[in-house]
Every structure is written in structure tokens, then in C-alpha cells.
């Protein structure tokens, strides 16, 4: 199958027009006119992931996080990013990323995460003008839960390596807002919209301090909050008849000393 047809399928769900202006979703490396028979699905593109693609004979890597995000001025192996570009070109492997284009659509990162956590009747936390796309979601649990029970549920349901949290404003909790990845900028928005809990990743100390007792702020590993991107890509691409392989080397870089 032509790579262009594969990209058309992804972009029918996650159009590049839906990405944030600062983002770089889309083709990262390669020729859209080439043939593809197998695809490696991943959250991040690392040297290990490219080596895995080489070993498996995959012609395409589809990732959530863009490979080319910060400025890349040289491809001489000084950074993992440059190493990946050089490896992909050497082995003729194309790389495509769907980042905020996948975050901001129905059926994307945030709505799928809400489904995993049993959140219903959700809407976009920060909708676009037409309401058809947006960042984050807010909705309701089927029944109110004790805050500690919800934290435990999140940890078990998402198989979290860690959970950091603040005190909630009230018990029990039922209105839940979330944003996969780095979503601390929307804490105040979640409070303003009446959320009892806001779940995201990469929160800083003072963000915890400001939220404490005002909303139950739950912070989990960034990679864990978005790793289901691989499942979304599989659901999109499997009907096309290409082999879809979920990366086994794709993992969080954060290690927890216990």
C-alpha cells in the first residue's frame, strides 16, 4: 500500500489542521510515494524504536510525539534525535507523527483516556470556536467516588508507575477533567468549570501548591497518559490490511527508585 493512503487514513481521524500552531504533526522523514507493508506503532521515536523497526522489516514508524519538534541544525549523531534521523534515512524507514492533531479530536488521546477511566457525557475542556475539536475533556463518573478510591482506580486502570496528587476541595468526587501529556496550563480552567479532579502530567511544585485544596490534581507519567495512541493508530490502520506492530521498546524514560 502507498504510504500516502496510510496517511490519508490517519488524517481522516486526526487532520493536521487540528494541531496547535506550535506543533509539528505530519511527515518527519521519508517519501509519501513509497510502498508500505508493515508499520511500527509507538509513542516516541528513539534509536531503540528505529532499531526495532529495522529488525522487524517495517517500512514506516507512526508515532504520537513528533521526532522533529525542537530545532535540528545538524544530523551528525550528537543527539538521539539526530541519530534517529540518520538511522531512518540509512535504512529507508519513513516516520510520521500525529501529536496535537490526535490530542484534539473525538476518538483521540483525551476522549480515549476518558473512556478508559469510565468518564461519561464529556465535552472538550478547551474547545475550538466550532466546538468540533479541543484540548482536554471534562465529564462525569457514573457514580461519585471517594477521592482516594478514584486515585487507586487511576493507578490500577492505567498501570501507573507513580501517582502524585493534591488534596481535593470536596468529597466525594464525580466531575473529572483531564488532559493527556503536559496539561498543567489548564488547571485553572478545570477549576472554573467545576471539576472535582484534574488529571494530567508534568506538573511543577508551585502548580501543586496553587491547586492544593482547590481541586484534586492528579499527576501521572506523561508517557503512560498517552501510550494508548498506539491502540488508536492500530484501530485506524488495521482495516487497511497493513501489518500493525506495537513497539516493545517504546517505554517511559522515567525510572522510579523504590
Protein backbone atom coordinates (compact mmCIF):
# COMPACT_ATOMS: atom_id res chain seq x y z
CA UNK A 1 0.00 0.00 0.00
CA UNK A 2 1.21 3.50 -0.75
CA UNK A 3 2.28 5.47 2.30
CA UNK A 4 0.09 8.33 1.12
CA UNK A 5 -3.01 6.16 1.51
CA UNK A 6 -1.98 5.24 5.05
CA UNK A 7 -1.51 8.89 5.95
CA UNK A 8 -4.89 9.76 4.44
CA UNK A 9 -6.49 7.25 6.81
CA UNK A 10 -4.73 8.70 9.86
CA UNK A 11 -5.56 12.25 8.83
CA UNK A 12 -9.21 11.38 8.26
CA UNK A 13 -9.32 10.91 12.05
CA UNK A 14 -6.60 13.36 13.09
CA UNK A 15 -6.29 16.07 10.43
CA UNK A 16 -3.19 18.22 10.59
CA UNK A 17 -5.48 21.25 10.55
CA UNK A 18 -6.49 20.28 14.10
CA UNK A 19 -2.98 20.59 15.52
CA UNK A 20 -1.78 23.51 17.63
CA UNK A 21 0.16 26.19 15.77
CA UNK A 22 3.38 25.38 17.67
CA UNK A 23 3.19 21.67 16.83
CA UNK A 24 4.83 19.60 14.10
CA UNK A 25 2.50 16.73 13.30
CA UNK A 26 2.92 15.12 9.89
CA UNK A 27 5.75 13.54 7.93
CA UNK A 28 9.09 13.68 9.72
CA UNK A 29 11.27 11.55 7.42
CA UNK A 30 10.62 9.78 4.12
CA UNK A 31 8.78 9.74 0.82
CA UNK A 32 4.98 9.54 0.80
CA UNK A 33 5.06 7.78 -2.57
CA UNK A 34 6.72 4.62 -1.28
CA UNK A 35 5.06 1.26 -0.63
CA UNK A 36 4.44 0.08 2.94
CA UNK A 37 3.53 -3.41 4.10
CA UNK A 38 4.22 -3.15 7.85
CA UNK A 39 4.05 -0.30 10.36
CA UNK A 40 5.61 0.05 13.80
CA UNK A 41 3.38 1.99 16.21
CA UNK A 42 4.97 3.95 19.04
CA UNK A 43 4.54 6.88 21.40
CA UNK A 44 8.12 8.14 20.98
CA UNK A 45 10.71 7.66 18.24
CA UNK A 46 14.02 6.66 19.84
CA UNK A 47 17.10 4.88 18.49
CA UNK A 48 15.80 1.67 20.10
CA UNK A 49 12.47 2.04 18.28
CA UNK A 50 14.21 2.55 14.92
CA UNK A 51 16.42 -0.48 15.53
CA UNK A 52 13.26 -2.44 16.31
CA UNK A 53 11.72 -1.31 13.01
CA UNK A 54 14.86 -2.42 11.18
CA UNK A 55 14.80 -5.85 12.84
CA UNK A 56 11.08 -6.30 12.08
CA UNK A 57 11.35 -5.09 8.49
CA UNK A 58 8.90 -2.21 8.98
CA UNK A 59 8.96 0.48 6.32
CA UNK A 60 7.07 3.04 8.42
CA UNK A 61 7.05 4.23 12.03
CA UNK A 62 3.94 6.06 13.22
CA UNK A 63 4.43 7.95 16.49
CA UNK A 64 2.44 10.24 18.74
CA UNK A 65 5.26 12.58 19.74
CA UNK A 66 6.93 14.28 16.77
CA UNK A 67 10.53 13.34 16.11
CA UNK A 68 11.27 16.83 14.75
CA UNK A 69 9.91 19.14 17.41
CA UNK A 70 12.78 21.33 18.57
CA UNK A 71 15.17 22.78 16.03
CA UNK A 72 17.53 20.22 14.49
CA UNK A 73 20.50 22.04 12.96
CA UNK A 74 22.85 19.11 12.29
CA UNK A 75 22.44 15.42 11.53
CA UNK A 76 25.78 14.24 12.84
CA UNK A 77 24.80 11.98 15.72
CA UNK A 78 25.29 14.50 18.54
CA UNK A 79 21.77 13.90 19.87
CA UNK A 80 19.30 10.99 19.95
CA UNK A 81 17.07 13.00 17.58
CA UNK A 82 19.86 13.40 15.03
CA UNK A 83 20.79 9.73 15.44
CA UNK A 84 17.21 8.68 14.71
CA UNK A 85 17.06 10.80 11.55
CA UNK A 86 20.34 9.34 10.29
CA UNK A 87 19.25 5.77 11.09
CA UNK A 88 15.87 6.20 9.43
CA UNK A 89 17.42 7.57 6.25
CA UNK A 90 20.10 4.86 6.17
CA UNK A 91 17.51 2.07 6.49
CA UNK A 92 14.88 3.76 4.30
CA UNK A 93 12.28 3.97 7.08
CA UNK A 94 9.63 6.67 6.90
CA UNK A 95 8.41 8.38 10.07
CA UNK A 96 5.05 10.07 10.58
CA UNK A 97 3.74 11.71 13.78
CA UNK A 98 0.25 12.69 14.90
CA UNK A 99 0.59 14.79 18.04
CA UNK A 100 -1.92 17.52 18.96
CA UNK A 101 -3.79 16.59 15.80
CA UNK A 102 -4.62 13.36 17.67
CA UNK A 103 -5.00 15.04 21.08
CA UNK A 104 -7.73 17.41 19.99
CA UNK A 105 -10.22 15.21 18.12
CA UNK A 106 -13.07 12.97 19.19
CA UNK A 107 -11.74 9.43 19.37
CA UNK A 108 -8.26 10.80 20.05
CA UNK A 109 -5.95 10.81 23.05
CA UNK A 110 -8.15 12.63 25.55
CA UNK A 111 -11.51 11.12 24.70
CA UNK A 112 -9.97 7.63 24.64
CA UNK A 113 -8.39 8.28 28.05
CA UNK A 114 -11.77 9.42 29.37
CA UNK A 115 -13.30 6.18 28.07
CA UNK A 116 -10.62 4.15 29.85
CA UNK A 117 -11.49 5.85 33.12
CA UNK A 118 -15.25 5.46 32.75
CA UNK A 119 -15.92 9.18 32.34
CA UNK A 120 -19.23 9.88 30.63
CA UNK A 121 -21.03 12.77 28.98
CA UNK A 122 -17.75 14.50 28.39
CA UNK A 123 -17.03 17.60 26.35
CA UNK A 124 -13.85 19.40 25.42
CA UNK A 125 -12.31 21.31 28.31
CA UNK A 126 -10.87 23.94 25.96
CA UNK A 127 -12.94 23.76 22.75
CA UNK A 128 -12.17 25.45 19.49
CA UNK A 129 -14.60 28.05 18.16
CA UNK A 130 -16.68 25.47 16.28
CA UNK A 131 -16.67 23.01 19.20
CA UNK A 132 -15.63 20.16 16.93
CA UNK A 133 -12.11 19.86 18.37
CA UNK A 134 -10.39 20.97 21.56
CA UNK A 135 -7.85 20.17 24.23
CA UNK A 136 -8.66 18.14 27.33
CA UNK A 137 -12.10 16.85 28.31
CA UNK A 138 -14.42 17.19 31.29
CA UNK A 139 -17.21 14.80 32.20
CA UNK A 140 -18.80 12.70 34.90
CA UNK A 141 -18.10 9.41 36.63
CA UNK A 142 -21.13 7.14 36.63
CA UNK A 143 -21.27 7.40 40.42
CA UNK A 144 -19.48 9.63 42.93
CA UNK A 145 -16.33 8.08 44.41
CA UNK A 146 -14.18 8.76 47.43
CA UNK A 147 -11.15 10.68 46.18
CA UNK A 148 -8.67 8.06 47.42
CA UNK A 149 -10.70 5.35 45.69
CA UNK A 150 -10.51 7.29 42.42
CA UNK A 151 -6.75 7.73 42.79
CA UNK A 152 -6.41 3.99 43.36
CA UNK A 153 -8.61 3.30 40.34
CA UNK A 154 -6.47 5.56 38.13
CA UNK A 155 -3.29 3.86 39.29
CA UNK A 156 -4.65 0.38 38.63
CA UNK A 157 -6.59 1.12 35.44
CA UNK A 158 -3.69 2.89 33.75
CA UNK A 159 -0.98 0.74 35.37
CA UNK A 160 0.79 3.88 36.58
CA UNK A 161 4.40 3.80 37.75
CA UNK A 162 3.54 6.64 40.12
CA UNK A 163 0.70 8.96 41.06
CA UNK A 164 1.26 12.40 42.59
CA UNK A 165 -1.72 14.32 43.88
CA UNK A 166 -3.05 17.18 45.98
CA UNK A 167 -5.96 17.38 48.39
CA UNK A 168 -9.37 17.70 46.74
CA UNK A 169 -11.74 20.56 47.50
CA UNK A 170 -14.56 18.19 48.45
CA UNK A 171 -15.58 14.56 48.83
CA UNK A 172 -16.80 12.52 47.05
CA UNK A 173 -15.64 13.35 43.54
CA UNK A 174 -17.59 12.93 40.32
CA UNK A 175 -16.77 15.69 37.82
CA UNK A 176 -13.43 14.77 36.25
CA UNK A 177 -11.31 16.83 33.87
CA UNK A 178 -8.20 15.50 32.17
CA UNK A 179 -5.58 16.25 29.57
CA UNK A 180 -3.10 13.64 28.41
CA UNK A 181 0.51 14.82 28.35
CA UNK A 182 1.61 18.19 29.72
CA UNK A 183 -1.64 19.92 30.61
CA UNK A 184 -0.87 21.94 33.74
CA UNK A 185 -1.82 25.15 31.89
CA UNK A 186 -5.47 24.08 32.13
CA UNK A 187 -5.66 23.59 35.93
CA UNK A 188 -7.45 26.90 36.45
CA UNK A 189 -9.78 26.13 33.54
CA UNK A 190 -10.74 22.84 35.19
CA UNK A 191 -11.43 24.66 38.47
CA UNK A 192 -13.53 27.32 36.71
CA UNK A 193 -15.60 24.62 35.01
CA UNK A 194 -16.39 22.90 38.29
CA UNK A 195 -14.15 19.85 38.08
CA UNK A 196 -13.56 17.97 41.33
CA UNK A 197 -10.42 16.36 39.89
CA UNK A 198 -7.98 17.25 37.14
CA UNK A 199 -5.67 14.54 35.79
CA UNK A 200 -2.64 15.36 33.66
CA UNK A 201 1.17 15.02 33.64
CA UNK A 202 4.37 17.03 34.17
CA UNK A 203 3.06 19.35 36.91
CA UNK A 204 5.53 21.56 38.78
CA UNK A 205 5.77 22.14 42.52
CA UNK A 206 4.06 25.54 42.53
CA UNK A 207 1.26 24.20 40.37
CA UNK A 208 0.61 21.57 43.03
CA UNK A 209 0.80 24.27 45.68
CA UNK A 210 -1.71 26.50 43.92
CA UNK A 211 -4.14 23.61 43.33
CA UNK A 212 -3.94 22.08 46.81
CA UNK A 213 -7.38 22.08 48.46
CA UNK A 214 -8.96 23.79 45.43
CA UNK A 215 -9.07 20.76 43.11
CA UNK A 216 -7.82 17.21 43.30
CA UNK A 217 -4.81 17.50 40.99
CA UNK A 218 -3.56 14.08 39.88
CA UNK A 219 -0.23 13.91 38.05
CA UNK A 220 0.89 10.73 36.28
CA UNK A 221 3.73 9.79 33.94
CA UNK A 222 3.46 11.67 30.61
CA UNK A 223 4.14 8.54 28.54
CA UNK A 224 1.55 6.50 30.42
CA UNK A 225 -1.09 9.18 29.89
CA UNK A 226 -0.61 8.92 26.11
CA UNK A 227 0.64 5.42 25.34
CA UNK A 228 -2.82 4.40 24.13
CA UNK A 229 -2.02 6.41 20.98
CA UNK A 230 -0.62 3.12 19.70
CA UNK A 231 -4.03 1.49 20.11
CA UNK A 232 -5.71 4.34 18.26
CA UNK A 233 -3.25 4.04 15.37
CA UNK A 234 -3.83 0.27 15.26
CA UNK A 235 -7.61 0.75 15.11
CA UNK A 236 -7.21 3.21 12.23
CA UNK A 237 -4.71 1.21 10.19
CA UNK A 238 -5.64 -2.45 10.76
CA UNK A 239 -8.60 -2.34 8.33
CA UNK A 240 -6.20 -1.29 5.56
CA UNK A 241 -4.53 -4.68 5.54
CA UNK A 242 -1.06 -3.48 6.54
CA UNK A 243 0.68 -5.27 9.40
CA UNK A 244 0.45 -3.10 12.53
CA UNK A 245 3.04 -3.89 15.20
CA UNK A 246 3.10 -2.17 18.58
CA UNK A 247 6.63 -1.31 19.65
CA UNK A 248 8.06 -3.33 22.52
CA UNK A 249 10.94 -0.91 23.10
CA UNK A 250 8.69 2.16 23.42
CA UNK A 251 8.63 2.99 27.13
CA UNK A 252 8.79 5.85 29.57
CA UNK A 253 12.29 7.19 30.19
CA UNK A 254 11.37 7.91 33.83
CA UNK A 255 12.66 5.34 36.30
CA UNK A 256 11.33 5.17 39.86
CA UNK A 257 13.70 4.24 42.69
CA UNK A 258 11.74 2.21 45.24
